[in-house]
Protein backbone atom coordinates (compact mmCIF):
# COMPACT_ATOMS: atom_id res chain seq x y z
CA MET A 1 -57.01 -26.80 -60.89
CA LYS A 2 -58.26 -23.88 -58.93
CA LYS A 3 -58.03 -25.76 -55.66
CA THR A 4 -54.54 -26.85 -56.53
CA LYS A 5 -53.47 -23.27 -57.01
CA ILE A 6 -54.90 -22.29 -53.68
CA PHE A 7 -53.10 -25.02 -51.75
CA VAL A 8 -49.77 -24.21 -53.56
CA THR A 9 -50.21 -20.58 -52.66
CA LEU A 10 -50.95 -21.44 -49.15
CA PHE A 11 -48.17 -23.79 -48.81
CA LEU A 12 -45.74 -21.20 -50.31
CA PHE A 13 -47.10 -18.53 -47.85
CA ILE A 14 -46.58 -20.83 -44.84
CA LEU A 15 -43.12 -21.78 -45.94
CA PHE A 16 -42.14 -18.12 -46.47
CA THR A 17 -43.61 -17.25 -43.09
CA ILE A 18 -41.62 -19.90 -41.35
CA ILE A 19 -38.38 -19.01 -43.11
CA SER A 20 -38.85 -15.23 -42.46
CA THR A 21 -39.69 -15.71 -38.82
CA LYS A 22 -37.24 -18.62 -37.94
CA ASN A 23 -34.98 -16.07 -36.15
CA VAL A 24 -37.84 -15.09 -33.84
CA PHE A 25 -38.17 -18.64 -32.54
CA ALA A 26 -34.52 -19.62 -32.80
CA VAL A 27 -32.80 -20.96 -29.50
CA GLU A 28 -30.28 -18.44 -28.28
CA HIS A 29 -26.97 -20.11 -27.23
CA LYS A 30 -25.43 -17.93 -24.70
CA VAL A 31 -22.56 -18.37 -22.01
CA ILE A 32 -20.92 -16.06 -19.46
CA TYR A 33 -17.14 -15.98 -19.46
CA PHE A 34 -15.09 -14.39 -16.59
CA LYS A 35 -11.38 -13.61 -17.01
CA GLU A 36 -8.64 -11.38 -15.86
CA ALA A 37 -6.30 -9.34 -18.17
CA THR A 38 -3.30 -10.59 -16.26
CA CYS A 39 -4.31 -14.20 -16.40
CA SER A 40 -1.94 -16.31 -18.43
CA VAL A 41 -4.48 -19.18 -18.87
CA CYS A 42 -7.16 -16.72 -19.97
CA ASN A 43 -4.77 -15.52 -22.67
CA LEU A 44 -4.15 -19.22 -23.90
CA LEU A 45 -7.75 -19.51 -24.40
CA ALA A 46 -8.03 -16.34 -26.32
CA GLY A 47 -5.33 -17.58 -28.81
CA TYR A 48 -2.22 -15.85 -27.37
CA PRO A 49 0.18 -18.76 -26.50
CA ASN A 50 2.80 -16.24 -25.31
CA GLY A 51 0.57 -14.07 -23.44
CA PRO A 52 -1.27 -10.82 -24.46
CA ALA A 53 1.88 -9.44 -26.18
CA GLY A 54 2.53 -12.77 -28.13
CA ASP A 55 1.53 -13.89 -31.59
CA TYR A 56 -2.25 -14.47 -32.00
CA ASN A 57 -3.13 -17.97 -33.19
CA PRO A 58 -6.79 -18.36 -34.22
CA ASN A 59 -6.33 -22.13 -34.24
CA ILE A 60 -6.35 -22.21 -30.48
CA ASP A 61 -8.69 -19.27 -29.85
CA TYR A 62 -11.54 -21.10 -28.07
CA LEU A 63 -13.64 -18.00 -27.69
CA LEU A 64 -13.70 -17.76 -31.53
CA ILE A 65 -14.35 -21.50 -31.80
CA MET A 66 -17.42 -20.98 -29.52
CA GLU A 67 -18.61 -18.16 -31.61
CA ASN A 68 -18.28 -20.15 -34.81
CA GLN A 69 -20.48 -22.84 -33.16
CA GLY A 70 -23.03 -20.06 -32.84
CA ILE A 71 -22.56 -19.42 -29.20
CA THR A 72 -22.88 -15.88 -27.84
CA VAL A 73 -20.00 -15.31 -25.36
CA GLU A 74 -20.62 -12.58 -22.86
CA ILE A 75 -17.15 -11.59 -21.49
CA HIS A 76 -16.44 -9.99 -18.17
CA ASP A 77 -13.03 -9.01 -16.92
CA ILE A 78 -12.97 -8.99 -13.07
CA LEU A 79 -10.22 -6.46 -13.08
CA ASP A 80 -12.43 -3.80 -14.69
CA GLY A 81 -14.04 -2.73 -11.41
CA SER A 82 -16.30 -3.51 -8.61
CA THR A 83 -19.26 -4.07 -10.76
CA GLU A 84 -17.60 -6.93 -12.52
CA SER A 85 -16.39 -8.35 -9.22
CA ASP A 86 -19.75 -8.26 -7.78
CA LEU A 87 -21.18 -10.07 -10.86
CA PHE A 88 -18.47 -12.62 -10.42
CA ALA A 89 -19.25 -13.22 -6.89
CA ALA A 90 -22.97 -13.37 -7.67
CA TYR A 91 -22.32 -16.15 -10.26
CA ASN A 92 -20.07 -18.08 -7.80
CA THR A 93 -22.63 -17.97 -5.16
CA SER A 94 -25.50 -18.96 -7.50
CA TYR A 95 -23.56 -21.98 -8.88
CA GLY A 96 -22.45 -23.17 -5.41
CA ILE A 97 -18.67 -22.32 -5.94
CA THR A 98 -16.84 -21.84 -2.64
CA LYS A 99 -14.50 -18.94 -2.13
CA SER A 100 -11.50 -21.45 -2.10
CA GLU A 101 -12.46 -22.94 -5.51
CA ALA A 102 -13.34 -19.71 -7.20
CA GLY A 103 -11.00 -18.65 -9.99
CA VAL A 104 -10.62 -17.66 -13.73
CA PRO A 105 -10.90 -18.53 -16.50
CA ILE A 106 -14.38 -19.78 -15.92
CA ILE A 107 -17.50 -20.25 -18.29
CA PHE A 108 -21.02 -20.58 -16.95
CA ALA A 109 -23.37 -22.51 -19.35
CA GLY A 110 -26.88 -23.51 -18.43
CA ASP A 111 -26.78 -24.85 -14.93
CA GLN A 112 -23.14 -25.99 -15.03
CA TYR A 113 -19.66 -24.17 -15.00
CA PHE A 114 -16.28 -25.09 -16.40
CA LEU A 115 -13.19 -24.00 -14.59
CA GLY A 116 -9.54 -23.99 -15.71
CA LEU A 117 -7.94 -24.55 -19.15
CA ASP A 118 -8.51 -28.25 -19.59
CA ASP A 119 -12.01 -28.29 -18.26
CA ILE A 120 -12.97 -25.51 -20.81
CA GLN A 121 -11.10 -26.86 -23.68
CA ASN A 122 -12.69 -30.46 -23.31
CA ALA A 123 -16.21 -29.02 -22.79
CA ILE A 124 -15.95 -26.91 -26.10
CA ASN A 125 -14.37 -29.73 -28.17
CA ASP A 126 -17.12 -32.27 -27.22
CA LEU A 127 -19.83 -29.72 -27.73
CA THR A 128 -20.89 -29.94 -23.97
CA ILE A 129 -20.84 -26.07 -23.64
CA TYR A 130 -22.77 -25.67 -27.03
CA ASN A 131 -25.46 -28.10 -25.75
CA LEU A 132 -25.77 -26.44 -22.32
CA SER A 133 -25.76 -22.95 -23.76
CA ALA A 134 -29.16 -23.53 -25.26
CA THR A 135 -30.66 -23.83 -21.74
CA PRO A 136 -31.07 -20.68 -19.45
CA LEU A 137 -28.43 -19.68 -17.01
CA LYS A 138 -29.20 -19.81 -13.34
CA GLU A 139 -30.60 -16.68 -11.88
CA VAL A 140 -28.15 -14.56 -9.99
CA ILE A 141 -28.56 -11.65 -7.40
CA VAL A 142 -25.91 -9.20 -7.63
CA ILE A 143 -25.10 -7.53 -4.23
CA GLU A 144 -23.08 -4.32 -4.36
CA GLY A 145 -19.70 -5.02 -2.42
CA GLN A 146 -20.52 -8.69 -2.22
CA ILE A 147 -16.83 -9.34 -2.80
CA PHE A 148 -16.21 -8.05 0.81
CA ASP A 149 -18.19 -10.89 2.28
CA ASP A 150 -15.18 -12.97 2.52
CA ILE A 151 -12.34 -11.25 4.48
CA THR A 152 -13.18 -7.62 4.02
CA GLY A 153 -16.56 -7.52 5.39
CA ILE A 154 -17.04 -5.47 8.57
CA ALA A 155 -15.59 -8.23 10.85
CA GLY A 156 -13.08 -9.32 8.14
CA PHE A 157 -11.74 -5.86 7.47
CA ILE A 158 -11.35 -5.30 11.16
CA THR A 159 -9.44 -8.62 11.48
CA VAL A 160 -7.08 -7.28 8.73
CA LEU A 161 -6.53 -4.01 10.65
CA PHE A 162 -5.99 -5.78 14.00
CA ALA A 163 -3.66 -8.30 12.49
CA GLY A 164 -1.53 -5.52 10.97
CA PHE A 165 -1.52 -3.66 14.25
CA LEU A 166 -0.62 -6.80 16.23
CA ASP A 167 2.25 -7.53 13.76
CA GLY A 168 3.54 -4.07 14.25
CA PHE A 169 4.08 -5.02 17.92
CA ASN A 170 6.03 -8.08 16.92
CA PRO A 171 9.22 -8.18 19.06
CA CYS A 172 11.32 -8.84 16.00
CA ALA A 173 10.26 -5.45 14.34
CA ILE A 174 10.35 -3.48 17.66
CA ALA A 175 13.68 -4.83 18.78
CA MET A 176 15.38 -3.78 15.49
CA LEU A 177 13.89 -0.33 15.62
CA LEU A 178 14.74 0.21 19.30
CA LEU A 179 18.33 -0.98 18.60
CA PHE A 180 18.46 1.39 15.66
CA VAL A 181 17.11 4.36 17.61
CA SER A 182 19.61 3.63 20.56
CA LEU A 183 22.57 3.86 18.16
CA LEU A 184 21.48 7.16 16.68
CA GLY A 185 23.99 9.30 18.46
CA PHE A 186 24.97 11.57 15.57
CA SER A 187 22.62 14.40 16.35
CA GLU A 188 21.05 16.11 19.25
CA ASN A 189 18.38 17.50 16.95
CA LYS A 190 15.12 15.66 17.61
CA ARG A 191 13.55 16.71 14.44
CA VAL A 192 16.42 14.92 12.51
CA LEU A 193 16.09 11.87 14.61
CA ILE A 194 12.40 11.71 13.89
CA LEU A 195 13.06 12.09 10.18
CA VAL A 196 15.58 9.32 10.29
CA SER A 197 13.23 6.96 12.21
CA VAL A 198 10.26 7.78 9.90
CA THR A 199 12.43 7.14 6.83
CA TYR A 200 13.54 3.74 8.33
CA ILE A 201 9.84 2.94 9.05
CA PHE A 202 8.89 4.05 5.48
CA ALA A 203 11.37 1.71 4.03
CA LEU A 204 9.87 -1.17 6.02
CA PHE A 205 6.34 -0.17 4.72
CA ILE A 206 7.51 0.05 1.08
CA SER A 207 9.27 -3.29 1.35
CA TYR A 208 6.34 -5.13 2.94
CA PHE A 209 3.84 -3.65 0.56
CA LEU A 210 6.02 -4.72 -2.50
CA ILE A 211 6.42 -8.24 -0.95
CA GLY A 212 2.70 -8.44 -0.46
CA THR A 213 2.07 -7.32 -4.07
CA LEU A 214 4.36 -9.88 -5.53
CA PHE A 215 2.64 -12.47 -3.42
CA LEU A 216 -0.79 -11.49 -4.50
CA ASN A 217 0.28 -11.39 -8.18
CA PHE A 218 1.56 -14.87 -7.87
CA LEU A 219 -1.51 -16.21 -6.44
CA THR A 220 -3.76 -14.27 -8.97
CA THR A 221 -1.75 -15.70 -11.90
CA TYR A 222 -1.21 -19.34 -10.81
CA ALA A 223 -2.92 -20.47 -7.62
CA GLN A 224 -6.47 -19.53 -8.60
CA GLN A 225 -6.02 -21.29 -12.00
CA ALA A 226 -5.04 -24.59 -10.50
CA LEU A 227 -7.32 -25.97 -7.80
CA ILE A 228 -4.85 -28.55 -6.73
CA ILE A 229 -2.32 -25.89 -6.04
CA ASN A 230 -4.91 -23.75 -4.18
CA LYS A 231 -5.79 -26.78 -2.01
CA ILE A 232 -2.23 -27.57 -1.25
CA ILE A 233 -1.54 -23.80 -0.20
CA SER A 234 -4.66 -23.79 1.90
CA TRP A 235 -3.44 -26.95 3.77
CA PHE A 236 0.00 -25.38 4.17
CA VAL A 237 -1.27 -22.14 5.60
CA ALA A 238 -3.78 -23.97 7.94
CA LEU A 239 -1.02 -26.28 9.33
CA LEU A 240 1.55 -23.49 9.53
CA CYS A 241 -0.88 -21.33 11.51
CA THR A 242 -1.53 -24.23 13.81
CA PHE A 243 1.98 -24.80 14.64
CA LEU A 244 2.49 -21.01 15.14
CA PHE A 245 -0.35 -21.02 17.42
CA LEU A 246 1.20 -23.70 19.52
CA PHE A 247 4.61 -21.87 19.36
CA ASN A 248 3.25 -18.59 20.41
CA PHE A 249 0.96 -20.14 23.17
CA TYR A 250 4.22 -21.81 24.61
CA ASP A 251 5.95 -18.45 24.34
CA TYR A 252 3.10 -16.93 26.22
CA ILE A 253 3.55 -19.39 29.10
CA VAL A 254 7.40 -18.78 29.39
CA THR A 255 7.09 -15.05 28.96
CA ARG A 256 4.45 -14.77 31.65
CA ARG A 257 7.01 -16.53 33.90
CA GLN A 258 9.57 -14.05 32.54
CA ASP A 259 11.79 -16.95 31.31
CA TYR A 260 12.62 -15.09 28.08
CA ALA A 261 15.54 -17.47 27.17
CA LYS A 262 13.03 -20.12 26.36
CA VAL A 263 11.12 -18.11 23.69
CA LYS A 264 10.74 -20.35 20.66
CA ASN A 265 9.15 -18.18 17.91
CA GLN A 266 11.75 -15.59 17.34
CA LEU A 267 14.37 -14.77 14.73
CA PRO A 268 17.18 -17.38 14.59
CA LYS A 269 20.31 -16.29 16.52
CA TRP A 270 22.52 -15.96 13.53
CA ILE A 271 19.88 -13.61 11.74
CA GLN A 272 19.83 -11.47 14.95
CA LYS A 273 23.61 -11.27 15.07
CA TYR A 274 23.73 -10.43 11.37
CA ASN A 275 21.10 -7.58 11.83
CA LYS A 276 22.99 -6.12 14.89
CA LYS A 277 26.17 -6.06 12.86
CA LEU A 278 24.41 -4.49 9.98
CA ILE A 279 22.87 -1.79 12.06
CA LYS A 280 26.24 -1.08 13.76
CA ALA A 281 27.88 -0.73 10.34
CA PHE A 282 25.43 1.72 9.08
CA THR A 283 25.21 3.83 12.14
CA SER A 284 29.03 3.92 12.43
CA VAL A 285 29.16 5.41 8.99
CA ILE A 286 26.37 7.89 9.86
CA ASN A 287 28.02 8.81 13.16
CA ASP A 288 31.42 9.46 11.62
CA LYS A 289 32.41 12.84 13.07
CA GLU A 290 35.40 13.35 10.77
CA ASN A 291 33.47 12.61 7.64
CA LYS A 292 30.19 14.52 8.57
CA LYS A 293 27.38 13.37 6.11
CA GLY A 294 24.52 15.55 4.88
CA LEU A 295 20.96 14.78 5.87
CA ALA A 296 20.10 13.55 2.50
CA VAL A 297 22.92 10.86 2.65
CA VAL A 298 21.89 9.86 6.07
CA LEU A 299 18.31 9.51 5.15
CA GLY A 300 19.40 7.51 2.00
CA LEU A 301 21.52 5.08 4.10
CA THR A 302 18.70 4.73 6.57
CA PHE A 303 16.19 3.83 3.66
CA ILE A 304 18.65 1.20 2.44
CA LEU A 305 18.98 -0.25 6.05
CA GLY A 306 15.23 -0.45 6.40
CA ILE A 307 14.82 -2.36 3.13
CA LEU A 308 17.66 -4.93 4.09
CA LEU A 309 16.20 -5.48 7.61
CA SER A 310 12.68 -5.86 6.42
CA VAL A 311 13.97 -8.80 4.22
CA THR A 312 15.83 -10.51 7.22
CA GLU A 313 13.07 -10.08 9.64
CA LEU A 314 10.38 -11.51 7.20
CA ILE A 315 10.84 -14.94 8.86
CA CYS A 316 9.33 -13.57 11.97
CA THR A 317 7.12 -10.60 10.90
CA GLY A 318 5.88 -12.42 7.85
CA GLN A 319 4.01 -15.18 9.70
CA ILE A 320 0.80 -13.18 10.27
CA TYR A 321 1.28 -11.55 6.92
CA LEU A 322 1.24 -14.80 5.01
CA GLY A 323 -2.18 -15.81 6.57
CA ILE A 324 -3.68 -12.50 5.72
CA LEU A 325 -2.24 -12.31 2.20
CA TYR A 326 -3.54 -15.61 1.26
CA GLY A 327 -6.96 -14.71 2.65
CA ILE A 328 -7.35 -11.41 0.64
CA HIS A 329 -6.03 -12.83 -2.70
CA TYR A 330 -9.56 -14.18 -3.43
CA LEU A 331 -10.77 -10.57 -3.73
CA SER A 332 -10.62 -8.54 -6.82
CA ASN A 333 -7.47 -6.49 -7.23
CA THR A 334 -9.07 -3.24 -6.01
CA TYR A 335 -10.24 -4.63 -2.83
CA ALA A 336 -7.22 -6.82 -2.16
CA TYR A 337 -4.98 -3.84 -2.47
CA ILE A 338 -7.01 -1.76 -0.09
CA ALA A 339 -6.76 -4.57 2.34
CA LEU A 340 -3.09 -4.86 1.76
CA LEU A 341 -2.52 -1.09 2.08
CA ALA A 342 -4.61 -1.16 5.41
CA TYR A 343 -2.67 -3.88 6.80
CA ASN A 344 0.67 -2.36 6.25
CA LEU A 345 -0.31 1.02 7.54
CA MET A 346 -1.51 -0.69 10.70
CA PHE A 347 1.85 -2.65 10.78
CA VAL A 348 4.02 0.60 10.79
CA LEU A 349 1.63 2.67 13.17
CA PRO A 350 3.02 1.20 16.35
CA LEU A 351 6.62 1.62 15.12
CA ILE A 352 6.01 5.34 14.38
CA VAL A 353 4.49 5.87 17.87
CA ILE A 354 7.42 3.96 19.67
CA ALA A 355 10.00 5.84 17.55
CA VAL A 356 8.54 9.34 18.48
CA VAL A 357 8.13 8.40 22.19
CA ALA A 358 11.55 6.91 22.34
CA ILE A 359 13.16 9.95 20.78
CA ARG A 360 11.15 12.71 22.39
CA GLY A 361 11.64 11.13 25.77
CA LYS A 362 14.89 9.63 25.27
CA GLY A 363 13.16 6.55 26.67
CA VAL A 364 14.69 3.74 24.65
CA MET A 365 15.37 1.38 27.52
CA SER A 366 12.07 2.34 29.14
CA THR A 367 10.21 1.55 25.96
CA SER A 368 12.06 -1.67 25.61
CA ASN A 369 11.20 -2.75 29.18
CA PHE A 370 7.68 -1.75 28.61
CA ILE A 371 7.50 -4.15 25.61
CA ARG A 372 9.28 -6.90 27.54
CA GLU A 373 6.95 -6.68 30.50
CA HIS A 374 3.94 -7.03 28.20
CA LEU A 375 5.48 -9.53 25.94
CA HIS A 376 3.30 -12.38 27.26
CA ILE A 377 0.07 -10.36 26.26
CA ILE A 378 1.57 -9.89 22.73
CA LYS A 379 2.41 -13.62 22.41
CA LEU A 380 -1.03 -14.54 23.70
CA LEU A 381 -2.90 -12.26 21.13
CA ASN A 382 -0.56 -13.74 18.39
CA ALA A 383 -1.56 -17.22 19.43
CA ILE A 384 -5.27 -16.33 19.29
CA LEU A 385 -4.88 -14.75 15.90
CA PHE A 386 -3.03 -17.74 14.50
CA LEU A 387 -5.74 -19.93 15.94
CA VAL A 388 -8.49 -17.91 14.22
CA ILE A 389 -6.57 -17.99 10.91
CA ALA A 390 -5.98 -21.80 11.12
CA VAL A 391 -9.64 -22.52 11.96
CA TYR A 392 -10.71 -20.17 9.14
CA TYR A 393 -8.64 -22.14 6.57
CA PHE A 394 -9.59 -25.54 7.85
CA TYR A 395 -13.22 -24.29 7.57
CA ARG A 396 -12.60 -23.46 3.97
CA ILE A 397 -10.98 -26.73 3.22
CA PHE A 398 -13.69 -28.82 4.56
């Protein structure tokens, strides 16, 4: 009887010890989830069918479902700063995700990852993520500024600057600027002429920066969330830059021979005629001697003209811009907009210099002739840049 009591007491003690310490030995189920605040697919996973401002629906909240399954979800928003972006880049590197495949929403569980709405939903519903979450995540090494390794590393950022500067020497943009300056006969005041030209160039800068912002937002919201779209766009950019390389190399040959009539890569004739008529219409209003306009009105009209011309010239000046924009959209928003700003500043820099030189020296024709004489060099540099961009995207694809 005494032995029985001892065994019962020992059994109860062992049972109590196991129950009280079970949490110590419990397996932790943990996953890493990366998202973006502006990502529509991320909002769907979080139970907001109509976006962050829509009605919350717990029945489709897959993050809540994972928590109910006993999974700890560590959430990171890559728009929250460079630290989150560096961590995101580190996980992509560790799990073997290429830059062209990287995107959100993505869940890292065990030694696998799940990217996109369907992939994540299926893995949660069939408990794949739950089972993997019990195994350790891969070890990652976070490198500060790692996000710059793609296109805004030292070489990449210089490429962005050079591309913007080269695009600023685009004959399309310079031709319209010189024509505009040549038609400014309403004032002998060089200060006023410089203000008008800078206003015109500032309008171009704002227009192209906004266009770039819209393009980046589109890619961030849609292209990164659908790999098939991402792949199609990569092919499109690669093939487009290949054709533009051939066109510009052909233009280099004909301009070197000074056979300018055979230049292929330029604005269509009807757009050139439209732009010239548009400039003449604006400058005729500005130059109206009988109805003298104040400086504010002149600058306002100039700003509107700059915006209109930037849109019509986009077919020509947007060629390099497109390749660079698609390259920087893989970066976090902070670095992408730094690259976007740098590109556009370099784009308008040659135009500012040319405008000041042309006005101060009244050398519109001499400036135009200088550009024409060196057009073959500009075309060759354009061809080389398009070739580099094409090779870069073919490398990413394969």
